[in-house]
């Protein structure tokens, strides 16, 4: 009976919510992200309780692909393909589902006179 209780308890489905920072990649050269709002999103994952035992929340990554983005302020939808987390977990929710990015041209670098 005790063994059954331990097995059932450890296999019980658990839902946990984590604050995940918004990161980005593949931004075109000459561009920079001047602001991201919000800077973190709440990601809810589910898995059997046993999978959370040694889970490290820093292993959840959110990275937006900005390869097609140009300068300006834009709302970007967050999708499951933007997230990385262990295969044994399921994505339940992302809140908010979009972020606002302020993408700007990088200022031209000042040229230094030869010394």
Protein backbone atom coordinates (compact mmCIF):
# COMPACT_ATOMS: atom_id res chain seq x y z
CA UNK A 1 0.00 0.00 0.00
CA UNK A 2 2.85 2.42 0.82
CA UNK A 3 4.62 1.64 -2.44
CA UNK A 4 1.39 2.22 -4.36
CA UNK A 5 0.91 5.61 -2.62
CA UNK A 6 4.47 6.68 -3.51
CA UNK A 7 4.11 5.61 -7.15
CA UNK A 8 0.73 7.31 -7.56
CA UNK A 9 1.94 10.49 -5.82
CA UNK A 10 5.06 10.75 -8.02
CA UNK A 11 3.09 10.14 -11.22
CA UNK A 12 0.44 12.76 -10.43
CA UNK A 13 0.26 15.51 -13.07
CA UNK A 14 1.53 18.85 -11.75
CA UNK A 15 1.19 22.34 -13.28
CA UNK A 16 3.88 24.92 -12.45
CA UNK A 17 4.22 28.53 -13.62
CA UNK A 18 7.62 30.17 -14.19
CA UNK A 19 8.74 33.71 -15.02
CA UNK A 20 10.87 33.47 -18.16
CA UNK A 21 12.95 36.35 -19.57
CA UNK A 22 12.29 37.30 -23.19
CA UNK A 23 15.41 36.87 -25.32
CA UNK A 24 15.89 37.35 -29.04
CA UNK A 25 18.20 36.32 -31.82
CA UNK A 26 18.90 36.69 -35.53
CA UNK A 27 18.35 40.45 -35.53
CA UNK A 28 19.62 42.04 -38.73
CA UNK A 29 22.96 43.82 -38.69
CA UNK A 30 22.67 47.51 -38.04
CA UNK A 31 19.66 47.00 -35.77
CA UNK A 32 19.29 46.89 -32.00
CA UNK A 33 16.44 46.18 -29.59
CA UNK A 34 15.96 49.34 -27.54
CA UNK A 35 13.17 47.87 -25.42
CA UNK A 36 11.05 44.80 -24.74
CA UNK A 37 7.75 45.04 -22.85
CA UNK A 38 7.22 43.01 -20.82
CA UNK A 39 10.74 41.73 -20.22
CA UNK A 40 9.45 38.45 -18.76
CA UNK A 41 6.45 36.24 -19.47
CA UNK A 42 4.75 33.58 -17.35
CA UNK A 43 5.04 30.09 -18.79
CA UNK A 44 2.95 27.27 -17.32
CA UNK A 45 4.22 23.73 -17.87
CA UNK A 46 2.82 20.40 -16.77
CA UNK A 47 4.46 17.04 -16.17
CA UNK A 48 4.34 14.16 -13.73
CA UNK A 49 5.47 15.26 -10.27
CA UNK A 50 8.62 13.11 -10.54
CA UNK A 51 9.82 15.17 -13.55
CA UNK A 52 9.86 18.32 -11.42
CA UNK A 53 12.17 16.71 -8.82
CA UNK A 54 15.43 17.73 -10.48
CA UNK A 55 14.03 20.31 -12.88
CA UNK A 56 15.98 23.58 -13.16
CA UNK A 57 13.66 26.47 -14.14
CA UNK A 58 16.58 28.24 -15.88
CA UNK A 59 16.35 25.48 -18.51
CA UNK A 60 13.21 27.15 -19.88
CA UNK A 61 14.25 29.50 -22.69
CA UNK A 62 12.21 31.96 -24.70
CA UNK A 63 13.98 33.29 -27.78
CA UNK A 64 12.23 35.31 -30.47
CA UNK A 65 13.49 35.01 -34.04
CA UNK A 66 13.80 38.59 -35.30
CA UNK A 67 15.39 37.79 -38.67
CA UNK A 68 12.45 39.34 -40.56
CA UNK A 69 12.13 42.40 -38.31
CA UNK A 70 12.97 45.93 -39.32
CA UNK A 71 13.12 49.19 -37.36
CA UNK A 72 10.04 50.33 -35.48
CA UNK A 73 7.75 49.40 -32.64
CA UNK A 74 5.96 46.12 -33.16
CA UNK A 75 3.88 43.55 -31.33
CA UNK A 76 5.34 40.05 -31.62
CA UNK A 77 3.27 36.95 -30.85
CA UNK A 78 4.95 34.30 -28.70
CA UNK A 79 4.41 30.75 -29.92
CA UNK A 80 5.39 27.36 -28.57
CA UNK A 81 8.19 27.18 -31.16
CA UNK A 82 9.84 30.19 -29.44
CA UNK A 83 10.11 28.18 -26.21
CA UNK A 84 12.61 25.53 -25.21
CA UNK A 85 11.97 23.19 -22.27
CA UNK A 86 12.48 19.48 -21.49
CA UNK A 87 10.62 17.01 -23.72
CA UNK A 88 8.85 15.39 -20.78
CA UNK A 89 6.96 18.64 -20.08
CA UNK A 90 3.86 20.00 -21.84
CA UNK A 91 3.13 23.66 -22.46
CA UNK A 92 -0.13 24.75 -20.81
CA UNK A 93 -0.05 28.53 -21.15
CA UNK A 94 1.98 31.62 -22.01
CA UNK A 95 0.94 34.93 -20.47
CA UNK A 96 1.00 37.42 -22.06
CA UNK A 97 0.96 35.85 -25.50
CA UNK A 98 2.74 38.77 -27.15
CA UNK A 99 5.39 41.36 -26.38
CA UNK A 100 6.11 44.82 -27.78
CA UNK A 101 9.59 45.38 -29.22
CA UNK A 102 11.21 48.70 -30.01
CA UNK A 103 13.74 48.01 -32.76
CA UNK A 104 16.04 50.80 -33.84
CA UNK A 105 18.93 51.45 -36.17
CA UNK A 106 22.27 51.28 -34.40
CA UNK A 107 23.94 54.69 -34.24
CA UNK A 108 26.81 54.98 -36.71
CA UNK A 109 30.10 54.28 -35.04
CA UNK A 110 32.34 57.25 -34.72
CA UNK A 111 35.47 56.90 -36.78
CA UNK A 112 38.63 57.53 -34.91
CA UNK A 113 41.42 59.45 -36.63
CA UNK A 114 44.58 57.36 -37.17
CA UNK A 115 47.11 57.77 -34.42
